[in-house]
PDB file of N, CA and C in Angstrom:
ATOM      1  N   MET A   1      11.087   8.843  19.518  1.00  0.00           N
ATOM      2  CA  MET A   1      10.260   9.927  19.958  1.00  0.00           C
ATOM      3  C   MET A   1       8.978   9.918  19.185  1.00  0.00           C
ATOM      4  N   SER A   2       7.831   9.884  19.937  1.00  0.00           N
ATOM      5  CA  SER A   2       6.574   9.768  19.280  1.00  0.00           C
ATOM      6  C   SER A   2       5.918  11.147  19.117  1.00  0.00           C
ATOM      7  N   PRO A   3       4.939  11.299  18.201  1.00  0.00           N
ATOM      8  CA  PRO A   3       4.278  12.580  18.042  1.00  0.00           C
ATOM      9  C   PRO A   3       3.558  12.955  19.354  1.00  0.00           C
ATOM     10  N   GLY A   4       3.616  14.121  19.753  1.00  0.00           N
ATOM     11  CA  GLY A   4       2.960  14.562  20.966  1.00  0.00           C
ATOM     12  C   GLY A   4       3.659  14.216  22.195  1.00  0.00           C
ATOM     13  N   SER A   5       4.890  13.692  22.121  1.00  0.00           N
ATOM     14  CA  SER A   5       5.635  13.315  23.308  1.00  0.00           C
ATOM     15  C   SER A   5       6.146  14.523  24.103  1.00  0.00           C
ATOM     16  N   ASP A   6       6.080  15.708  23.553  1.00  0.00           N
ATOM     17  CA  ASP A   6       6.509  16.905  24.283  1.00  0.00           C
ATOM     18  C   ASP A   6       5.569  17.184  25.389  1.00  0.00           C
ATOM     19  N   LYS A   7       4.398  16.693  25.378  1.00  0.00           N
ATOM     20  CA  LYS A   7       3.440  16.924  26.445  1.00  0.00           C
ATOM     21  C   LYS A   7       3.641  15.886  27.591  1.00  0.00           C
ATOM     22  N   GLY A   8       4.256  14.781  27.248  1.00  0.00           N
ATOM     23  CA  GLY A   8       4.416  13.767  28.245  1.00  0.00           C
ATOM     24  C   GLY A   8       3.339  12.690  28.183  1.00  0.00           C
ATOM     25  N   ASP A   9       2.100  13.017  27.757  1.00  0.00           N
ATOM     26  CA  ASP A   9       1.110  12.028  27.721  1.00  0.00           C
ATOM     27  C   ASP A   9       0.600  11.715  26.290  1.00  0.00           C
ATOM     28  N   GLY A  10       1.158  12.333  25.322  1.00  0.00           N
ATOM     29  CA  GLY A  10       0.759  12.093  23.943  1.00  0.00           C
ATOM     30  C   GLY A  10      -0.604  12.650  23.575  1.00  0.00           C
ATOM     31  N   GLY A  11      -1.136  13.576  24.273  1.00  0.00           N
ATOM     32  CA  GLY A  11      -2.452  14.139  24.217  1.00  0.00           C
ATOM     33  C   GLY A  11      -3.134  14.088  22.847  1.00  0.00           C
ATOM     34  N   ASP A  12      -2.655  14.904  21.871  1.00  0.00           N
ATOM     35  CA  ASP A  12      -3.241  15.013  20.606  1.00  0.00           C
ATOM     36  C   ASP A  12      -3.162  13.705  19.786  1.00  0.00           C
ATOM     37  N   TRP A  13      -2.069  13.028  19.892  1.00  0.00           N
ATOM     38  CA  TRP A  13      -1.838  11.798  19.165  1.00  0.00           C
ATOM     39  C   TRP A  13      -2.811  10.773  19.626  1.00  0.00           C
ATOM     40  N   VAL A  14      -3.007  10.628  20.923  1.00  0.00           N
ATOM     41  CA  VAL A  14      -3.919   9.639  21.489  1.00  0.00           C
ATOM     42  C   VAL A  14      -5.359   9.964  21.039  1.00  0.00           C
ATOM     43  N   ARG A  15      -5.737  11.218  21.010  1.00  0.00           N
ATOM     44  CA  ARG A  15      -7.095  11.580  20.604  1.00  0.00           C
ATOM     45  C   ARG A  15      -7.336  11.285  19.106  1.00  0.00           C
ATOM     46  N   VAL A  16      -6.314  11.535  18.270  1.00  0.00           N
ATOM     47  CA  VAL A  16      -6.457  11.265  16.821  1.00  0.00           C
ATOM     48  C   VAL A  16      -6.582   9.762  16.608  1.00  0.00           C
ATOM     49  N   VAL A  17      -5.827   8.937  17.302  1.00  0.00           N
ATOM     50  CA  VAL A  17      -5.931   7.452  17.178  1.00  0.00           C
ATOM     51  C   VAL A  17      -7.268   6.986  17.685  1.00  0.00           C
ATOM     52  N   ARG A  18      -7.745   7.470  18.742  1.00  0.00           N
ATOM     53  CA  ARG A  18      -9.071   7.020  19.311  1.00  0.00           C
ATOM     54  C   ARG A  18     -10.189   7.430  18.277  1.00  0.00           C
ATOM     55  N   GLU A  19     -10.106   8.581  17.674  1.00  0.00           N
ATOM     56  CA  GLU A  19     -11.157   8.979  16.740  1.00  0.00           C
ATOM     57  C   GLU A  19     -11.054   8.198  15.402  1.00  0.00           C
ATOM     58  N   ALA A  20      -9.855   7.804  15.041  1.00  0.00           N
ATOM     59  CA  ALA A  20      -9.703   7.069  13.780  1.00  0.00           C
ATOM     60  C   ALA A  20      -9.875   5.570  13.938  1.00  0.00           C
ATOM     61  N   ALA A  21      -9.784   5.037  15.118  1.00  0.00           N
ATOM     62  CA  ALA A  21      -9.847   3.586  15.362  1.00  0.00           C
ATOM     63  C   ALA A  21     -11.041   2.881  14.698  1.00  0.00           C
ATOM     64  N   PRO A  22     -12.285   3.392  14.802  1.00  0.00           N
ATOM     65  CA  PRO A  22     -13.348   2.720  14.214  1.00  0.00           C
ATOM     66  C   PRO A  22     -13.272   2.557  12.689  1.00  0.00           C
ATOM     67  N   TYR A  23     -12.509   3.434  12.044  1.00  0.00           N
ATOM     68  CA  TYR A  23     -12.392   3.382  10.567  1.00  0.00           C
ATOM     69  C   TYR A  23     -11.216   2.631  10.037  1.00  0.00           C
ATOM     70  N   LEU A  24     -10.339   2.140  10.996  1.00  0.00           N
ATOM     71  CA  LEU A  24      -9.080   1.475  10.514  1.00  0.00           C
ATOM     72  C   LEU A  24      -9.412   0.106   9.838  1.00  0.00           C
ATOM     73  N   GLY A  25     -10.402  -0.594  10.224  1.00  0.00           N
ATOM     74  CA  GLY A  25     -10.751  -1.912   9.667  1.00  0.00           C
ATOM     75  C   GLY A  25     -11.674  -1.789   8.449  1.00  0.00           C
ATOM     76  N   LEU A  26     -12.092  -0.532   8.166  1.00  0.00           N
ATOM     77  CA  LEU A  26     -13.111  -0.410   7.125  1.00  0.00           C
ATOM     78  C   LEU A  26     -12.527  -0.865   5.744  1.00  0.00           C
ATOM     79  N   GLY A  27     -11.339  -0.502   5.471  1.00  0.00           N
ATOM     80  CA  GLY A  27     -10.707  -0.849   4.144  1.00  0.00           C
ATOM     81  C   GLY A  27     -10.635  -2.368   3.949  1.00  0.00           C
ATOM     82  N   THR A  28     -10.243  -3.077   5.012  1.00  0.00           N
ATOM     83  CA  THR A  28     -10.120  -4.519   4.833  1.00  0.00           C
ATOM     84  C   THR A  28     -11.545  -5.155   4.657  1.00  0.00           C
ATOM     85  N   SER A  29     -12.525  -4.707   5.427  1.00  0.00           N
ATOM     86  CA  SER A  29     -13.798  -5.276   5.234  1.00  0.00           C
ATOM     87  C   SER A  29     -14.442  -4.900   3.898  1.00  0.00           C
ATOM     88  N   LEU A  30     -14.198  -3.780   3.405  1.00  0.00           N
ATOM     89  CA  LEU A  30     -14.719  -3.386   2.042  1.00  0.00           C
ATOM     90  C   LEU A  30     -13.997  -4.244   0.990  1.00  0.00           C
ATOM     91  N   ALA A  31     -12.698  -4.411   1.121  1.00  0.00           N
ATOM     92  CA  ALA A  31     -12.003  -5.182   0.100  1.00  0.00           C
ATOM     93  C   ALA A  31     -12.475  -6.626   0.162  1.00  0.00           C
ATOM     94  N   GLY A  32     -12.815  -7.198   1.287  1.00  0.00           N
ATOM     95  CA  GLY A  32     -13.291  -8.569   1.405  1.00  0.00           C
ATOM     96  C   GLY A  32     -14.665  -8.612   0.814  1.00  0.00           C
ATOM     97  N   ALA A  33     -15.517  -7.646   1.008  1.00  0.00           N
ATOM     98  CA  ALA A  33     -16.846  -7.651   0.447  1.00  0.00           C
ATOM     99  C   ALA A  33     -16.834  -7.520  -1.075  1.00  0.00           C
ATOM    100  N   ALA A  34     -15.899  -6.834  -1.601  1.00  0.00           N
ATOM    101  CA  ALA A  34     -15.744  -6.731  -3.032  1.00  0.00           C
ATOM    102  C   ALA A  34     -15.077  -7.911  -3.686  1.00  0.00           C
ATOM    103  N   LEU A  35     -14.070  -8.463  -3.108  1.00  0.00           N
ATOM    104  CA  LEU A  35     -13.239  -9.494  -3.674  1.00  0.00           C
ATOM    105  C   LEU A  35     -13.776 -10.928  -3.512  1.00  0.00           C
ATOM    106  N   LEU A  36     -14.470 -11.197  -2.463  1.00  0.00           N
ATOM    107  CA  LEU A  36     -14.954 -12.589  -2.232  1.00  0.00           C
ATOM    108  C   LEU A  36     -15.990 -12.954  -3.353  1.00  0.00           C
ATOM    109  N   PRO A  37     -16.950 -12.184  -3.708  1.00  0.00           N
ATOM    110  CA  PRO A  37     -17.857 -12.584  -4.822  1.00  0.00           C
ATOM    111  C   PRO A  37     -17.126 -12.693  -6.219  1.00  0.00           C
ATOM    112  N   ILE A  38     -16.069 -11.854  -6.372  1.00  0.00           N
ATOM    113  CA  ILE A  38     -15.290 -12.072  -7.656  1.00  0.00           C
ATOM    114  C   ILE A  38     -14.620 -13.392  -7.695  1.00  0.00           C
ATOM    115  N   GLY A  39     -14.007 -13.767  -6.468  1.00  0.00           N
ATOM    116  CA  GLY A  39     -13.305 -15.045  -6.403  1.00  0.00           C
ATOM    117  C   GLY A  39     -14.290 -16.239  -6.610  1.00  0.00           C
ATOM    118  N   VAL A  40     -15.439 -16.119  -6.049  1.00  0.00           N
ATOM    119  CA  VAL A  40     -16.464 -17.133  -6.220  1.00  0.00           C
ATOM    120  C   VAL A  40     -16.907 -17.286  -7.649  1.00  0.00           C
ATOM    121  N   GLY A  41     -17.134 -16.100  -8.312  1.00  0.00           N
ATOM    122  CA  GLY A  41     -17.468 -16.074  -9.773  1.00  0.00           C
ATOM    123  C   GLY A  41     -16.395 -16.696 -10.580  1.00  0.00           C
ATOM    124  N   TRP A  42     -15.185 -16.346 -10.306  1.00  0.00           N
ATOM    125  CA  TRP A  42     -14.008 -16.917 -11.068  1.00  0.00           C
ATOM    126  C   TRP A  42     -13.961 -18.435 -10.935  1.00  0.00           C
ATOM    127  N   TRP A  43     -14.151 -18.890  -9.715  1.00  0.00           N
ATOM    128  CA  TRP A  43     -14.102 -20.307  -9.443  1.00  0.00           C
ATOM    129  C   TRP A  43     -15.320 -21.058 -10.198  1.00  0.00           C
ATOM    130  N   LEU A  44     -16.456 -20.483 -10.126  1.00  0.00           N
ATOM    131  CA  LEU A  44     -17.614 -21.047 -10.802  1.00  0.00           C
ATOM    132  C   LEU A  44     -17.396 -21.063 -12.342  1.00  0.00           C
ATOM    133  N   ASP A  45     -16.755 -20.014 -12.890  1.00  0.00           N
ATOM    134  CA  ASP A  45     -16.428 -19.947 -14.282  1.00  0.00           C
ATOM    135  C   ASP A  45     -15.497 -21.115 -14.689  1.00  0.00           C
ATOM    136  N   ARG A  46     -14.539 -21.423 -13.815  1.00  0.00           N
ATOM    137  CA  ARG A  46     -13.607 -22.480 -14.093  1.00  0.00           C
ATOM    138  C   ARG A  46     -14.319 -23.873 -14.016  1.00  0.00           C
ATOM    139  N   GLU A  47     -15.254 -23.947 -13.107  1.00  0.00           N
ATOM    140  CA  GLU A  47     -15.963 -25.248 -12.926  1.00  0.00           C
ATOM    141  C   GLU A  47     -16.971 -25.518 -14.109  1.00  0.00           C
ATOM    142  N   PHE A  48     -17.664 -24.455 -14.572  1.00  0.00           N
ATOM    143  CA  PHE A  48     -18.714 -24.616 -15.563  1.00  0.00           C
ATOM    144  C   PHE A  48     -18.281 -24.166 -16.943  1.00  0.00           C
ATOM    145  N   GLY A  49     -17.101 -23.616 -17.118  1.00  0.00           N
ATOM    146  CA  GLY A  49     -16.640 -23.148 -18.401  1.00  0.00           C
ATOM    147  C   GLY A  49     -17.425 -21.971 -18.980  1.00  0.00           C
ATOM    148  N   THR A  50     -17.863 -21.068 -18.134  1.00  0.00           N
ATOM    149  CA  THR A  50     -18.656 -20.001 -18.562  1.00  0.00           C
ATOM    150  C   THR A  50     -17.967 -18.660 -18.560  1.00  0.00           C
ATOM    151  N   ALA A  51     -16.625 -18.678 -18.594  1.00  0.00           N
ATOM    152  CA  ALA A  51     -15.866 -17.477 -18.503  1.00  0.00           C
ATOM    153  C   ALA A  51     -16.240 -16.418 -19.504  1.00  0.00           C
ATOM    154  N   PRO A  52     -16.218 -15.209 -19.222  1.00  0.00           N
ATOM    155  CA  PRO A  52     -16.080 -14.526 -17.987  1.00  0.00           C
ATOM    156  C   PRO A  52     -17.400 -14.138 -17.341  1.00  0.00           C
ATOM    157  N   GLY A  53     -18.492 -14.749 -17.748  1.00  0.00           N
ATOM    158  CA  GLY A  53     -19.868 -14.362 -17.311  1.00  0.00           C
ATOM    159  C   GLY A  53     -19.984 -14.273 -15.755  1.00  0.00           C
ATOM    160  N   LEU A  54     -19.731 -15.353 -15.112  1.00  0.00           N
ATOM    161  CA  LEU A  54     -19.900 -15.386 -13.659  1.00  0.00           C
ATOM    162  C   LEU A  54     -18.939 -14.530 -12.878  1.00  0.00           C
ATOM    163  N   THR A  55     -17.726 -14.401 -13.430  1.00  0.00           N
ATOM    164  CA  THR A  55     -16.769 -13.482 -12.827  1.00  0.00           C
ATOM    165  C   THR A  55     -17.293 -12.037 -12.875  1.00  0.00           C
ATOM    166  N   LEU A  56     -17.841 -11.626 -14.052  1.00  0.00           N
ATOM    167  CA  LEU A  56     -18.419 -10.290 -14.131  1.00  0.00           C
ATOM    168  C   LEU A  56     -19.593 -10.108 -13.230  1.00  0.00           C
ATOM    169  N   CYS A  57     -20.436 -11.151 -13.132  1.00  0.00           N
ATOM    170  CA  CYS A  57     -21.592 -11.067 -12.188  1.00  0.00           C
ATOM    171  C   CYS A  57     -21.140 -10.937 -10.803  1.00  0.00           C
ATOM    172  N   GLY A  58     -20.053 -11.677 -10.434  1.00  0.00           N
ATOM    173  CA  GLY A  58     -19.484 -11.550  -9.051  1.00  0.00           C
ATOM    174  C   GLY A  58     -18.884 -10.200  -8.802  1.00  0.00           C
ATOM    175  N   ALA A  59     -18.273  -9.636  -9.838  1.00  0.00           N
ATOM    176  CA  ALA A  59     -17.678  -8.273  -9.693  1.00  0.00           C
ATOM    177  C   ALA A  59     -18.766  -7.206  -9.447  1.00  0.00           C
ATOM    178  N   LEU A  60     -19.864  -7.374 -10.174  1.00  0.00           N
ATOM    179  CA  LEU A  60     -21.002  -6.430 -10.020  1.00  0.00           C
ATOM    180  C   LEU A  60     -21.607  -6.532  -8.616  1.00  0.00           C
ATOM    181  N   LEU A  61     -21.813  -7.850  -8.242  1.00  0.00           N
ATOM    182  CA  LEU A  61     -22.358  -8.110  -6.886  1.00  0.00           C
ATOM    183  C   LEU A  61     -21.405  -7.573  -5.785  1.00  0.00           C
ATOM    184  N   GLY A  62     -20.105  -7.834  -5.951  1.00  0.00           N
ATOM    185  CA  GLY A  62     -19.127  -7.431  -4.924  1.00  0.00           C
ATOM    186  C   GLY A  62     -19.075  -5.818  -4.805  1.00  0.00           C
ATOM    187  N   LEU A  63     -19.119  -5.153  -5.925  1.00  0.00           N
ATOM    188  CA  LEU A  63     -19.189  -3.691  -5.897  1.00  0.00           C
ATOM    189  C   LEU A  63     -20.427  -3.134  -5.178  1.00  0.00           C
ATOM    190  N   VAL A  64     -21.549  -3.714  -5.523  1.00  0.00           N
ATOM    191  CA  VAL A  64     -22.772  -3.333  -4.808  1.00  0.00           C
ATOM    192  C   VAL A  64     -22.732  -3.669  -3.356  1.00  0.00           C
ATOM    193  N   ALA A  65     -22.274  -4.769  -2.982  1.00  0.00           N
ATOM    194  CA  ALA A  65     -22.112  -5.213  -1.571  1.00  0.00           C
ATOM    195  C   ALA A  65     -21.166  -4.216  -0.840  1.00  0.00           C
ATOM    196  N   ALA A  66     -20.061  -3.974  -1.445  1.00  0.00           N
ATOM    197  CA  ALA A  66     -19.101  -3.021  -0.812  1.00  0.00           C
ATOM    198  C   ALA A  66     -19.653  -1.631  -0.612  1.00  0.00           C
ATOM    199  N   GLY A  67     -20.406  -1.179  -1.633  1.00  0.00           N
ATOM    200  CA  GLY A  67     -21.021   0.092  -1.530  1.00  0.00           C
ATOM    201  C   GLY A  67     -22.067   0.186  -0.406  1.00  0.00           C
ATOM    202  N   VAL A  68     -22.930  -0.827  -0.326  1.00  0.00           N
ATOM    203  CA  VAL A  68     -23.909  -0.896   0.748  1.00  0.00           C
ATOM    204  C   VAL A  68     -23.245  -0.941   2.128  1.00  0.00           C
ATOM    205  N   GLN A  69     -22.201  -1.813   2.223  1.00  0.00           N
ATOM    206  CA  GLN A  69     -21.564  -1.893   3.448  1.00  0.00           C
ATOM    207  C   GLN A  69     -20.851  -0.571   3.910  1.00  0.00           C
ATOM    208  N   PHE A  70     -20.241   0.134   2.945  1.00  0.00           N
ATOM    209  CA  PHE A  70     -19.638   1.445   3.173  1.00  0.00           C
ATOM    210  C   PHE A  70     -20.670   2.420   3.737  1.00  0.00           C
ATOM    211  N   VAL A  71     -21.802   2.527   3.055  1.00  0.00           N
ATOM    212  CA  VAL A  71     -22.831   3.479   3.461  1.00  0.00           C
ATOM    213  C   VAL A  71     -23.285   3.145   4.900  1.00  0.00           C
ATOM    214  N   LYS A  72     -23.519   1.869   5.166  1.00  0.00           N
ATOM    215  CA  LYS A  72     -23.990   1.431   6.491  1.00  0.00           C
ATOM    216  C   LYS A  72     -22.958   1.779   7.612  1.00  0.00           C
ATOM    217  N   GLU A  73     -21.711   1.412   7.305  1.00  0.00           N
ATOM    218  CA  GLU A  73     -20.638   1.585   8.330  1.00  0.00           C
ATOM    219  C   GLU A  73     -20.411   3.073   8.574  1.00  0.00           C
ATOM    220  N   VAL A  74     -20.366   3.921   7.560  1.00  0.00           N
ATOM    221  CA  VAL A  74     -20.074   5.349   7.795  1.00  0.00           C
ATOM    222  C   VAL A  74     -21.309   5.896   8.529  1.00  0.00           C
ATOM    223  N   GLY A  75     -22.488   5.511   8.138  1.00  0.00           N
ATOM    224  CA  GLY A  75     -23.717   6.082   8.813  1.00  0.00           C
ATOM    225  C   GLY A  75     -23.698   5.710  10.227  1.00  0.00           C
ATOM    226  N   ARG A  76     -23.380   4.431  10.523  1.00  0.00           N
ATOM    227  CA  ARG A  76     -23.342   3.968  11.966  1.00  0.00           C
ATOM    228  C   ARG A  76     -22.295   4.661  12.766  1.00  0.00           C
ATOM    229  N   LYS A  77     -21.126   4.872  12.156  1.00  0.00           N
ATOM    230  CA  LYS A  77     -20.005   5.443  12.936  1.00  0.00           C
ATOM    231  C   LYS A  77     -20.165   6.957  13.081  1.00  0.00           C
ATOM    232  N   ASN A  78     -20.964   7.632  12.255  1.00  0.00           N
ATOM    233  CA  ASN A  78     -21.116   9.133  12.339  1.00  0.00           C
ATOM    234  C   ASN A  78     -22.298   9.491  13.209  1.00  0.00           C
ATOM    235  N   LYS A  79     -23.065   8.514  13.789  1.00  0.00           N
ATOM    236  CA  LYS A  79     -24.148   8.899  14.670  1.00  0.00           C
ATOM    237  C   LYS A  79     -23.541   9.508  15.978  1.00  0.00           C
ATOM    238  N   PRO A  80     -24.268  10.503  16.462  1.00  0.00           N
ATOM    239  CA  PRO A  80     -23.794  11.177  17.699  1.00  0.00           C
ATOM    240  C   PRO A  80     -23.873  10.220  18.947  1.00  0.00           C
TER     241      PRO A  80
END
């Protein structure tokens, strides 16, 4: 039995899912934007023996990139 099944068409449940759908992938894309530069920094640290300098630079870059992406996505999705 699914939520909203007492109506027969799932009215409220369908509306909630449709409104939330644009935000469902946001977490994954933000995690990727934050973790990819950290991984590249870690790999470069291993290659050049500069630990933890490039990993920390990657972490900073990843956090900035994720923040910028978050602001852009939320701004775009909240336009009327």
